[in-house]
Amino acid sequence: MKMNGSGLVLRLLLLLCISDLLIPMSQAIWLSIPSSGTKCVSEEIQNNVVVLADYLVIPDDHTHSSPTISIKECGAIGNA
């Protein structure tokens, strides 16, 4: 079966659309925090929902050092 250029493009476009539906979406937030500061972030999370988080720290000077951070996650009324 020989395929011309437009048929190949259509198949690739269809594959791209299908793969976009199958791959789960994710979201991210970016916080700028002073080196000695604290940031409180809240998000409404529904019951029986699992939330996963990855934290990445990028220093202002963009060095490859790994700064020390501490994170406290708690509920809306302050319970851990």
N, C-alpha and C. Protein backbone atom coordinates (compact mmCIF):
# COMPACT_ATOMS: atom_id res chain seq x y z
N MET A 1 0.85 -1.18 0.00
CA MET A 1 0.00 0.00 0.00
C MET A 1 0.89 1.23 0.00
N LYS A 2 0.82 1.97 -1.06
CA LYS A 2 1.63 3.17 -1.19
C LYS A 2 0.80 4.37 -0.74
N MET A 3 1.45 5.26 0.04
CA MET A 3 0.72 6.40 0.60
C MET A 3 1.34 7.68 0.07
N ASN A 4 0.50 8.60 -0.39
CA ASN A 4 1.03 9.89 -0.83
C ASN A 4 1.28 10.79 0.37
N GLY A 5 1.86 11.94 0.16
CA GLY A 5 2.23 12.85 1.24
C GLY A 5 1.05 13.34 2.05
N SER A 6 -0.08 13.65 1.40
CA SER A 6 -1.23 14.17 2.14
C SER A 6 -1.87 13.09 3.01
N GLY A 7 -1.87 11.84 2.55
CA GLY A 7 -2.40 10.74 3.36
C GLY A 7 -1.57 10.52 4.61
N LEU A 8 -0.26 10.62 4.47
CA LEU A 8 0.64 10.47 5.62
C LEU A 8 0.42 11.60 6.62
N VAL A 9 0.26 12.81 6.12
CA VAL A 9 0.03 13.97 7.00
C VAL A 9 -1.27 13.80 7.76
N LEU A 10 -2.32 13.34 7.08
CA LEU A 10 -3.61 13.14 7.74
C LEU A 10 -3.52 12.06 8.82
N ARG A 11 -2.81 10.98 8.54
CA ARG A 11 -2.65 9.93 9.55
C ARG A 11 -1.85 10.43 10.75
N LEU A 12 -0.80 11.19 10.50
CA LEU A 12 -0.02 11.74 11.60
C LEU A 12 -0.84 12.72 12.43
N LEU A 13 -1.65 13.53 11.77
CA LEU A 13 -2.52 14.47 12.47
C LEU A 13 -3.54 13.74 13.32
N LEU A 14 -4.12 12.67 12.79
CA LEU A 14 -5.07 11.86 13.54
C LEU A 14 -4.39 11.22 14.75
N LEU A 15 -3.20 10.69 14.57
CA LEU A 15 -2.45 10.09 15.67
C LEU A 15 -2.15 11.14 16.75
N LEU A 16 -1.80 12.34 16.34
CA LEU A 16 -1.53 13.41 17.30
C LEU A 16 -2.78 13.76 18.10
N CYS A 17 -3.92 13.86 17.44
CA CYS A 17 -5.17 14.18 18.14
C CYS A 17 -5.56 13.08 19.12
N ILE A 18 -5.42 11.82 18.72
CA ILE A 18 -5.77 10.71 19.60
C ILE A 18 -4.83 10.65 20.79
N SER A 19 -3.53 10.84 20.56
CA SER A 19 -2.58 10.78 21.68
C SER A 19 -2.81 11.93 22.65
N ASP A 20 -3.26 13.07 22.17
CA ASP A 20 -3.55 14.19 23.05
C ASP A 20 -4.71 13.86 23.99
N LEU A 21 -5.65 13.07 23.54
CA LEU A 21 -6.78 12.67 24.38
C LEU A 21 -6.38 11.61 25.40
N LEU A 22 -5.40 10.80 25.08
CA LEU A 22 -5.01 9.69 25.95
C LEU A 22 -4.01 10.09 27.03
N ILE A 23 -3.25 11.12 26.78
CA ILE A 23 -2.23 11.54 27.74
C ILE A 23 -2.88 12.48 28.76
N PRO A 24 -2.77 12.16 30.06
CA PRO A 24 -3.39 13.03 31.07
C PRO A 24 -2.71 14.39 31.14
N MET A 25 -3.50 15.39 31.46
CA MET A 25 -2.96 16.75 31.58
C MET A 25 -2.48 16.99 33.00
N SER A 26 -1.56 17.89 33.13
CA SER A 26 -1.10 18.30 34.45
C SER A 26 -1.00 19.82 34.47
N GLN A 27 -0.93 20.36 35.67
CA GLN A 27 -0.83 21.79 35.83
C GLN A 27 0.31 22.09 36.79
N ALA A 28 0.80 23.29 36.73
CA ALA A 28 1.90 23.68 37.60
C ALA A 28 1.68 25.11 38.08
N ILE A 29 2.29 25.42 39.20
CA ILE A 29 2.31 26.79 39.69
C ILE A 29 3.75 27.18 39.94
N TRP A 30 4.05 28.45 39.80
CA TRP A 30 5.38 28.98 40.00
C TRP A 30 5.29 30.01 41.12
N LEU A 31 6.08 29.83 42.16
CA LEU A 31 6.08 30.75 43.29
C LEU A 31 7.45 31.37 43.43
N SER A 32 7.50 32.68 43.57
CA SER A 32 8.76 33.36 43.85
C SER A 32 8.78 33.68 45.34
N ILE A 33 9.71 33.05 46.06
CA ILE A 33 9.78 33.19 47.51
C ILE A 33 11.15 33.72 47.88
N PRO A 34 11.22 34.77 48.72
CA PRO A 34 12.52 35.25 49.18
C PRO A 34 13.26 34.15 49.94
N SER A 35 14.57 34.24 50.00
CA SER A 35 15.37 33.17 50.62
C SER A 35 15.02 32.95 52.08
N SER A 36 14.52 33.95 52.76
CA SER A 36 14.15 33.77 54.17
C SER A 36 12.64 33.92 54.37
N GLY A 37 11.88 33.74 53.33
CA GLY A 37 10.45 34.00 53.41
C GLY A 37 9.60 32.76 53.56
N THR A 38 8.31 33.01 53.72
CA THR A 38 7.31 31.95 53.84
C THR A 38 6.20 32.26 52.86
N LYS A 39 5.63 31.24 52.28
CA LYS A 39 4.54 31.43 51.34
C LYS A 39 3.42 30.46 51.70
N CYS A 40 2.21 30.98 51.81
CA CYS A 40 1.05 30.15 52.10
C CYS A 40 0.22 30.05 50.82
N VAL A 41 -0.01 28.84 50.38
CA VAL A 41 -0.77 28.60 49.16
C VAL A 41 -1.92 27.68 49.50
N SER A 42 -3.11 28.00 49.02
CA SER A 42 -4.25 27.12 49.30
C SER A 42 -4.92 26.73 47.99
N GLU A 43 -5.50 25.58 48.00
CA GLU A 43 -6.21 25.06 46.84
C GLU A 43 -7.38 24.24 47.35
N GLU A 44 -8.54 24.41 46.76
CA GLU A 44 -9.70 23.62 47.16
C GLU A 44 -9.58 22.23 46.54
N ILE A 45 -9.51 21.23 47.40
CA ILE A 45 -9.38 19.85 46.94
C ILE A 45 -10.64 19.10 47.37
N GLN A 46 -11.25 18.42 46.44
CA GLN A 46 -12.48 17.69 46.73
C GLN A 46 -12.19 16.42 47.52
N ASN A 47 -13.20 15.92 48.23
CA ASN A 47 -13.07 14.67 48.99
C ASN A 47 -12.74 13.52 48.06
N ASN A 48 -11.99 12.56 48.60
CA ASN A 48 -11.63 11.33 47.88
C ASN A 48 -10.83 11.59 46.61
N VAL A 49 -10.02 12.63 46.61
CA VAL A 49 -9.15 12.95 45.48
C VAL A 49 -7.71 12.87 45.95
N VAL A 50 -6.89 12.17 45.19
CA VAL A 50 -5.48 12.05 45.53
C VAL A 50 -4.72 13.17 44.83
N VAL A 51 -3.90 13.89 45.59
CA VAL A 51 -3.11 14.98 45.04
C VAL A 51 -1.65 14.65 45.22
N LEU A 52 -0.90 14.70 44.14
CA LEU A 52 0.54 14.45 44.19
C LEU A 52 1.26 15.76 43.89
N ALA A 53 2.40 15.95 44.54
CA ALA A 53 3.15 17.19 44.32
C ALA A 53 4.64 16.88 44.21
N ASP A 54 5.28 17.53 43.28
CA ASP A 54 6.73 17.51 43.15
C ASP A 54 7.20 18.94 43.34
N TYR A 55 8.27 19.10 44.09
CA TYR A 55 8.80 20.43 44.36
C TYR A 55 10.16 20.56 43.70
N LEU A 56 10.39 21.67 43.05
CA LEU A 56 11.66 21.95 42.41
C LEU A 56 12.06 23.37 42.78
N VAL A 57 13.28 23.52 43.26
CA VAL A 57 13.78 24.84 43.65
C VAL A 57 14.82 25.27 42.63
N ILE A 58 14.64 26.47 42.09
CA ILE A 58 15.61 27.04 41.16
C ILE A 58 16.10 28.34 41.77
N PRO A 59 17.37 28.40 42.20
CA PRO A 59 17.89 29.62 42.80
C PRO A 59 17.88 30.79 41.81
N ASP A 60 17.81 32.01 42.34
CA ASP A 60 17.79 33.20 41.48
C ASP A 60 19.00 33.30 40.57
N ASP A 61 20.16 32.85 41.08
CA ASP A 61 21.37 32.95 40.26
C ASP A 61 21.52 31.76 39.31
N HIS A 62 20.53 30.87 39.27
CA HIS A 62 20.48 29.72 38.37
C HIS A 62 21.69 28.81 38.49
N THR A 63 22.26 28.72 39.68
CA THR A 63 23.36 27.79 39.90
C THR A 63 22.80 26.37 40.00
N HIS A 64 23.67 25.43 39.96
CA HIS A 64 23.25 24.03 40.03
C HIS A 64 23.26 23.49 41.45
N SER A 65 23.43 24.38 42.43
CA SER A 65 23.42 23.93 43.81
C SER A 65 22.00 23.55 44.22
N SER A 66 21.90 22.73 45.24
CA SER A 66 20.59 22.29 45.73
C SER A 66 20.30 22.97 47.07
N PRO A 67 19.54 24.05 47.08
CA PRO A 67 19.24 24.73 48.33
C PRO A 67 18.37 23.87 49.23
N THR A 68 18.47 24.10 50.53
CA THR A 68 17.65 23.38 51.50
C THR A 68 16.31 24.09 51.64
N ILE A 69 15.23 23.33 51.58
CA ILE A 69 13.90 23.90 51.75
C ILE A 69 13.14 23.06 52.76
N SER A 70 12.14 23.65 53.36
CA SER A 70 11.24 22.90 54.23
C SER A 70 9.81 23.21 53.79
N ILE A 71 8.98 22.19 53.77
CA ILE A 71 7.61 22.32 53.31
C ILE A 71 6.68 21.72 54.35
N LYS A 72 5.62 22.45 54.66
CA LYS A 72 4.61 21.94 55.58
C LYS A 72 3.28 21.94 54.83
N GLU A 73 2.69 20.78 54.73
CA GLU A 73 1.39 20.66 54.08
C GLU A 73 0.35 20.42 55.16
N CYS A 74 -0.73 21.18 55.12
CA CYS A 74 -1.77 21.02 56.13
C CYS A 74 -3.14 21.31 55.53
N GLY A 75 -4.16 20.96 56.27
CA GLY A 75 -5.53 21.19 55.84
C GLY A 75 -5.93 22.65 56.02
N ALA A 76 -7.14 22.97 55.61
CA ALA A 76 -7.62 24.35 55.65
C ALA A 76 -7.69 24.91 57.07
N ILE A 77 -7.87 24.05 58.07
CA ILE A 77 -7.95 24.54 59.44
C ILE A 77 -6.64 24.31 60.19
N GLY A 78 -5.57 23.99 59.44
CA GLY A 78 -4.25 23.90 60.05
C GLY A 78 -3.82 22.51 60.47
N ASN A 79 -4.67 21.51 60.31
CA ASN A 79 -4.26 20.16 60.71
C ASN A 79 -3.42 19.52 59.61
N ALA A 80 -2.46 18.72 60.02
CA ALA A 80 -1.54 18.12 59.04
C ALA A 80 -2.14 16.91 58.37
